[in-house]
């Protein structure tokens, strides 16, 4: 597989499900009640802060590997985007983030209380949508994924400030925190497409691999990404005392004196620009960035192998393209 194809666009990947994604966006717009001024205003802002719809796209592409009921697939895709958006609203309040996708966050425009309660509303709306459609098995999949996601977030909070996190502990944490919802998206798509248990199991592994790789690249970009391209500040993990794979590897490869100096900088949580640049240089020179990118690339190869057994189709091609684009993304 030819990795690093920056020319692969998100639009190309989404092409087989573009019509369905438009219906997902219509469904999401209906969630924001005009009866409550605050909810309606937040809804307008969230609609303006349009994301990549990665998880709904996964649901719809996986469904198209089978013979989906289009209405059910769209509802499942809308539900997972509501769940994902809810987690972002909670994350922004927890992390005190003020910028996402180049625009102010809900907690910045209003306050943390509004952001958290709106996140709760979106969680509830997602499961109400699935319940009203009678998609109880898909609701169970998303319930399990959401539970694993919150467990992963708690695990990350438990690890905050620890400088001796192992690669294995980190990997398990991100499999819960991030990959869980990718897994659920693929499983839900398989159910919506009427696929066999064996095929759904393959899609589950696909979601596991790409979700884990996605977070590894996210952690790379938090260190060396371009803030303007990403639409949000970088360095949040380091400033918050969260040790990610690039740092874990760099500390493992470095000498004791150099490692201790960097640990002291990160532990201070008051990292100034010059210190932050020192940490970036340390991570890059000790192989942390290249190692994390290689790990993500290996997982992308494994993800592609999971869908090799499906017959040729535009949806399968897009899932393959996604594995290629994943490790070259810059935002």
Protein backbone atom coordinates (compact mmCIF):
# COMPACT_ATOMS: atom_id res chain seq x y z
CA UNK A 1 0.00 0.00 0.00
CA UNK A 2 1.30 3.41 -0.90
CA UNK A 3 1.21 5.41 2.32
CA UNK A 4 1.31 9.18 2.63
CA UNK A 5 -0.94 10.08 -0.28
CA UNK A 6 -1.70 13.67 0.58
CA UNK A 7 -3.60 13.93 -2.72
CA UNK A 8 -6.41 11.72 -1.37
CA UNK A 9 -9.13 14.13 -0.32
CA UNK A 10 -11.88 13.74 2.21
CA UNK A 11 -14.38 14.46 -0.54
CA UNK A 12 -13.05 11.52 -2.53
CA UNK A 13 -13.47 9.21 0.45
CA UNK A 14 -16.98 10.50 1.18
CA UNK A 15 -18.12 10.36 -2.46
CA UNK A 16 -20.04 7.02 -2.27
CA UNK A 17 -22.12 8.32 0.66
CA UNK A 18 -22.34 12.03 -0.14
CA UNK A 19 -26.12 11.98 -0.56
CA UNK A 20 -26.58 10.12 2.73
CA UNK A 21 -24.25 12.55 4.53
CA UNK A 22 -26.42 15.43 3.35
CA UNK A 23 -29.39 13.65 4.95
CA UNK A 24 -27.35 13.19 8.14
CA UNK A 25 -26.72 16.93 8.29
CA UNK A 26 -30.43 17.59 7.78
CA UNK A 27 -31.24 15.19 10.63
CA UNK A 28 -28.73 16.90 12.92
CA UNK A 29 -30.22 20.31 12.20
CA UNK A 30 -33.62 19.06 13.38
CA UNK A 31 -32.21 18.13 16.79
CA UNK A 32 -31.75 21.74 17.90
CA UNK A 33 -35.12 22.79 19.25
CA UNK A 34 -36.36 26.23 18.16
CA UNK A 35 -38.47 26.30 21.33
CA UNK A 36 -35.43 26.98 23.52
CA UNK A 37 -33.47 30.02 22.41
CA UNK A 38 -30.19 28.85 23.95
CA UNK A 39 -30.37 25.39 22.35
CA UNK A 40 -31.19 26.92 18.99
CA UNK A 41 -28.29 29.40 19.22
CA UNK A 42 -25.82 26.66 20.16
CA UNK A 43 -27.16 24.54 17.33
CA UNK A 44 -26.47 27.30 14.82
CA UNK A 45 -22.91 27.59 16.09
CA UNK A 46 -22.29 23.84 16.01
CA UNK A 47 -23.65 23.71 12.47
CA UNK A 48 -21.20 26.45 11.48
CA UNK A 49 -18.31 24.55 13.08
CA UNK A 50 -18.69 21.75 10.56
CA UNK A 51 -16.53 18.71 11.23
CA UNK A 52 -15.24 16.05 8.88
CA UNK A 53 -18.11 13.66 9.74
CA UNK A 54 -15.55 10.87 9.97
CA UNK A 55 -17.64 8.57 12.16
CA UNK A 56 -20.91 8.98 10.21
CA UNK A 57 -18.92 8.34 7.03
CA UNK A 58 -17.64 5.09 8.55
CA UNK A 59 -21.18 4.01 9.45
CA UNK A 60 -22.44 4.68 5.93
CA UNK A 61 -19.48 3.18 4.07
CA UNK A 62 -19.57 0.00 6.17
CA UNK A 63 -23.33 -0.26 5.64
CA UNK A 64 -22.82 -0.02 1.88
CA UNK A 65 -20.64 -3.11 1.97
CA UNK A 66 -23.95 -4.92 2.43
CA UNK A 67 -27.54 -4.10 1.52
CA UNK A 68 -28.53 -1.31 3.88
CA UNK A 69 -31.88 0.25 4.63
CA UNK A 70 -30.88 3.84 3.76
CA UNK A 71 -33.14 5.44 6.38
CA UNK A 72 -31.75 3.25 9.18
CA UNK A 73 -28.15 3.85 8.08
CA UNK A 74 -28.67 7.63 8.08
CA UNK A 75 -30.19 7.56 11.58
CA UNK A 76 -27.29 5.47 12.89
CA UNK A 77 -24.82 7.89 11.27
CA UNK A 78 -26.58 10.91 12.75
CA UNK A 79 -26.61 9.28 16.19
CA UNK A 80 -22.86 8.68 16.25
CA UNK A 81 -22.16 12.27 15.22
CA UNK A 82 -24.35 13.47 18.10
CA UNK A 83 -22.41 11.24 20.50
CA UNK A 84 -19.08 12.44 19.13
CA UNK A 85 -20.11 16.10 19.34
CA UNK A 86 -21.25 15.56 22.92
CA UNK A 87 -17.82 14.23 23.84
CA UNK A 88 -16.16 17.27 22.24
CA UNK A 89 -18.32 19.66 24.25
CA UNK A 90 -17.39 17.83 27.43
CA UNK A 91 -13.70 17.67 26.46
CA UNK A 92 -13.54 21.40 25.72
CA UNK A 93 -14.91 22.19 29.18
CA UNK A 94 -12.64 19.73 30.94
CA UNK A 95 -9.55 20.93 29.07
CA UNK A 96 -10.57 24.62 29.12
CA UNK A 97 -10.15 24.71 25.35
CA UNK A 98 -11.30 27.91 23.65
CA UNK A 99 -10.81 27.08 19.97
CA UNK A 100 -11.96 24.17 17.82
CA UNK A 101 -11.94 23.94 14.02
CA UNK A 102 -10.88 27.56 13.90
CA UNK A 103 -13.90 28.90 15.80
CA UNK A 104 -14.61 29.60 19.49
CA UNK A 105 -15.83 26.68 21.56
CA UNK A 106 -19.22 26.57 23.29
CA UNK A 107 -17.60 26.98 26.69
CA UNK A 108 -15.80 30.08 25.39
CA UNK A 109 -18.93 31.67 23.90
CA UNK A 110 -21.15 30.74 26.85
CA UNK A 111 -19.62 28.87 29.80
CA UNK A 112 -18.61 25.40 30.98
CA UNK A 113 -22.01 24.67 32.48
CA UNK A 114 -23.79 25.32 29.20
CA UNK A 115 -21.24 23.23 27.30
CA UNK A 116 -21.58 20.24 29.64
CA UNK A 117 -25.39 20.30 29.73
CA UNK A 118 -25.58 20.68 25.94
CA UNK A 119 -23.30 17.67 25.66
CA UNK A 120 -25.68 15.73 27.90
CA UNK A 121 -28.58 16.81 25.69
CA UNK A 122 -26.82 15.52 22.57
CA UNK A 123 -26.07 12.17 24.21
CA UNK A 124 -29.74 11.80 25.10
CA UNK A 125 -30.84 12.94 21.63
CA UNK A 126 -28.66 10.29 19.99
CA UNK A 127 -30.24 7.42 21.88
CA UNK A 128 -33.74 8.84 21.57
CA UNK A 129 -33.21 8.96 17.79
CA UNK A 130 -32.19 5.29 17.74
CA UNK A 131 -34.98 4.22 20.10
CA UNK A 132 -37.68 5.99 18.09
CA UNK A 133 -36.41 4.24 14.94
CA UNK A 134 -36.45 0.83 16.68
CA UNK A 135 -32.70 0.42 16.15
CA UNK A 136 -32.19 -1.29 19.49
CA UNK A 137 -29.22 -3.44 18.47
CA UNK A 138 -27.40 -0.42 17.06
CA UNK A 139 -28.28 1.53 20.22
CA UNK A 140 -26.64 -1.25 22.25
CA UNK A 141 -23.49 -1.01 20.11
CA UNK A 142 -23.27 2.75 20.65
CA UNK A 143 -24.04 2.37 24.34
CA UNK A 144 -21.12 -0.03 24.73
CA UNK A 145 -18.86 2.23 22.68
CA UNK A 146 -19.82 5.28 24.74
CA UNK A 147 -19.18 3.42 27.98
CA UNK A 148 -15.74 2.35 26.78
CA UNK A 149 -15.02 5.89 25.63
CA UNK A 150 -15.81 7.40 29.03
CA UNK A 151 -13.74 4.70 30.73
CA UNK A 152 -10.84 5.68 28.45
CA UNK A 153 -11.27 9.34 29.36
CA UNK A 154 -11.16 8.44 33.05
CA UNK A 155 -8.06 6.36 32.41
CA UNK A 156 -6.40 9.35 30.72
CA UNK A 157 -7.27 11.54 33.70
CA UNK A 158 -5.85 8.90 36.05
CA UNK A 159 -2.58 8.91 34.08
CA UNK A 160 -2.28 12.70 34.02
CA UNK A 161 0.99 13.84 35.54
CA UNK A 162 2.55 10.36 35.43
CA UNK A 163 5.87 10.46 33.58
CA UNK A 164 6.49 6.70 33.47
CA UNK A 165 3.51 5.63 31.35
CA UNK A 166 4.31 2.55 29.28
CA UNK A 167 3.57 2.23 25.57
CA UNK A 168 1.19 -0.65 26.35
CA UNK A 169 -0.77 1.40 28.90
CA UNK A 170 -0.98 4.34 26.50
CA UNK A 171 -2.18 2.13 23.63
CA UNK A 172 -4.91 0.53 25.72
CA UNK A 173 -6.05 3.96 26.92
CA UNK A 174 -6.43 5.37 23.40
CA UNK A 175 -8.16 2.18 22.20
CA UNK A 176 -10.83 3.03 24.75
CA UNK A 177 -10.79 6.82 24.50
CA UNK A 178 -10.80 7.10 20.71
CA UNK A 179 -10.97 3.75 18.92
CA UNK A 180 -14.11 2.66 20.82
CA UNK A 181 -16.36 5.01 18.85
CA UNK A 182 -14.67 4.07 15.55
CA UNK A 183 -15.32 0.42 16.40
CA UNK A 184 -18.94 1.17 17.26
CA UNK A 185 -19.38 3.12 14.01
CA UNK A 186 -18.13 0.18 11.93
CA UNK A 187 -20.22 -2.34 13.87
CA UNK A 188 -23.31 -0.17 13.53
CA UNK A 189 -22.70 0.15 9.80
CA UNK A 190 -22.38 -3.61 9.51
CA UNK A 191 -25.71 -4.06 11.31
CA UNK A 192 -27.40 -1.42 9.14
CA UNK A 193 -26.05 -3.21 6.06
CA UNK A 194 -27.30 -6.62 7.18
CA UNK A 195 -23.80 -8.11 7.15
CA UNK A 196 -22.92 -11.46 8.70
CA UNK A 197 -21.38 -11.78 12.15
CA UNK A 198 -18.03 -12.67 10.56
CA UNK A 199 -18.05 -9.59 8.36
CA UNK A 200 -19.07 -7.38 11.28
CA UNK A 201 -16.17 -8.79 13.30
CA UNK A 202 -13.77 -7.80 10.50
CA UNK A 203 -15.22 -4.31 10.44
CA UNK A 204 -14.84 -4.10 14.22
CA UNK A 205 -11.12 -4.83 13.89
CA UNK A 206 -10.87 -2.32 11.06
CA UNK A 207 -12.38 0.33 13.33
CA UNK A 208 -10.05 -0.66 16.16
CA UNK A 209 -6.96 -0.28 13.99
CA UNK A 210 -7.89 3.00 12.31
CA UNK A 211 -9.22 4.53 15.53
CA UNK A 212 -6.00 3.75 17.37
CA UNK A 213 -3.91 5.03 14.46
CA UNK A 214 -6.04 8.17 14.27
CA UNK A 215 -5.28 9.02 17.89
CA UNK A 216 -1.58 8.33 17.48
CA UNK A 217 -1.45 10.82 14.61
CA UNK A 218 -3.54 13.25 16.67
CA UNK A 219 -0.92 13.03 19.42
CA UNK A 220 1.85 13.65 16.89
CA UNK A 221 0.03 16.72 15.59
CA UNK A 222 -0.44 18.06 19.11
CA UNK A 223 3.34 18.32 19.24
CA UNK A 224 4.39 19.26 15.70
CA UNK A 225 1.12 20.27 14.02
CA UNK A 226 0.38 23.68 12.55
CA UNK A 227 -2.20 25.52 14.66
CA UNK A 228 -3.65 27.42 11.71
CA UNK A 229 -4.12 24.24 9.69
CA UNK A 230 -5.58 22.34 12.62
CA UNK A 231 -7.86 25.14 13.78
CA UNK A 232 -6.96 24.64 17.44
CA UNK A 233 -3.95 25.18 19.71
CA UNK A 234 -1.16 22.62 19.87
CA UNK A 235 0.78 21.49 22.91
CA UNK A 236 -2.28 20.91 25.08
CA UNK A 237 -1.19 17.42 26.10
CA UNK A 238 2.24 18.55 27.26
CA UNK A 239 0.91 21.57 29.10
CA UNK A 240 -1.65 19.39 30.86
CA UNK A 241 0.91 16.78 31.88
CA UNK A 242 -0.42 14.11 29.51
CA UNK A 243 2.29 11.81 28.19
CA UNK A 244 1.59 10.48 24.68
CA UNK A 245 3.37 7.98 22.46
CA UNK A 246 5.93 10.37 20.88
CA UNK A 247 7.06 11.49 24.34
CA UNK A 248 7.02 7.97 25.78
CA UNK A 249 9.35 6.79 23.01
CA UNK A 250 11.65 9.82 23.20
CA UNK A 251 12.05 9.42 26.96
CA UNK A 252 12.79 5.72 26.43
CA UNK A 253 15.47 6.47 23.84
CA UNK A 254 17.14 9.42 25.56
CA UNK A 255 19.86 9.47 28.16
CA UNK A 256 18.87 9.83 31.81
CA UNK A 257 20.04 13.43 32.20
CA UNK A 258 18.29 14.68 29.08
CA UNK A 259 15.13 12.75 29.93
CA UNK A 260 15.05 14.15 33.46
CA UNK A 261 15.37 17.71 32.15
CA UNK A 262 12.38 17.23 29.85
CA UNK A 263 10.34 15.52 32.56
CA UNK A 264 10.96 18.53 34.80
CA UNK A 265 9.73 20.88 32.06
CA UNK A 266 6.55 18.88 31.45
CA UNK A 267 5.90 18.40 35.17
CA UNK A 268 6.05 22.14 35.76
CA UNK A 269 2.89 22.60 33.63
CA UNK A 270 4.02 26.15 33.07
CA UNK A 271 5.78 25.50 29.83
CA UNK A 272 6.75 28.73 28.08
CA UNK A 273 7.32 28.94 24.34
CA UNK A 274 11.07 28.39 24.54
CA UNK A 275 10.67 25.36 26.82
CA UNK A 276 7.98 23.96 24.56
CA UNK A 277 10.32 24.22 21.58
CA UNK A 278 12.99 22.39 23.59
CA UNK A 279 10.54 19.56 24.26
CA UNK A 280 9.57 19.38 20.58
CA UNK A 281 13.22 19.21 19.55
CA UNK A 282 13.83 16.54 22.19
CA UNK A 283 10.91 14.40 20.99
CA UNK A 284 11.92 14.70 17.33
CA UNK A 285 15.64 14.10 17.85
CA UNK A 286 14.98 11.03 19.99
CA UNK A 287 12.74 9.38 17.40
CA UNK A 288 9.36 9.94 19.05
CA UNK A 289 7.59 11.48 16.06
CA UNK A 290 8.89 9.02 13.47
CA UNK A 291 8.13 6.03 15.73
CA UNK A 292 4.53 7.13 16.33
CA UNK A 293 3.96 7.72 12.62
CA UNK A 294 5.40 4.28 11.83
CA UNK A 295 3.14 2.66 14.42
CA UNK A 296 0.12 4.37 12.91
CA UNK A 297 1.18 3.29 9.42
CA UNK A 298 1.47 -0.33 10.56
CA UNK A 299 -2.04 -0.18 12.02
CA UNK A 300 -3.36 1.30 8.78
CA UNK A 301 -1.91 -1.68 6.88
CA UNK A 302 -3.65 -4.06 9.30
CA UNK A 303 -6.90 -2.13 8.87
CA UNK A 304 -6.74 -2.54 5.11
CA UNK A 305 -6.20 -6.29 5.49
CA UNK A 306 -9.46 -6.50 7.47
CA UNK A 307 -11.53 -5.43 4.45
CA UNK A 308 -9.65 -7.25 1.71
CA UNK A 309 -12.23 -10.05 1.87
CA UNK A 310 -15.13 -7.81 0.87
CA UNK A 311 -16.07 -7.64 -2.79
CA UNK A 312 -15.00 -4.65 -4.92
CA UNK A 313 -17.26 -1.63 -4.50
CA UNK A 314 -16.99 2.16 -4.22
CA UNK A 315 -17.51 1.88 -0.46
CA UNK A 316 -14.69 -0.65 -0.06
CA UNK A 317 -12.40 1.55 -2.14
CA UNK A 318 -13.16 4.52 0.11
CA UNK A 319 -12.38 2.50 3.22
CA UNK A 320 -9.04 1.56 1.67
CA UNK A 321 -8.34 5.18 0.73
CA UNK A 322 -9.14 6.16 4.30
CA UNK A 323 -6.36 3.91 5.60
CA UNK A 324 -3.94 5.62 3.21
CA UNK A 325 -4.99 9.16 4.04
CA UNK A 326 -5.08 8.54 7.77
CA UNK A 327 -1.35 8.59 8.40
CA UNK A 328 -0.62 11.59 6.19
CA UNK A 329 -3.24 13.93 7.64
CA UNK A 330 -2.19 17.32 8.95
CA UNK A 331 -5.34 18.19 10.89
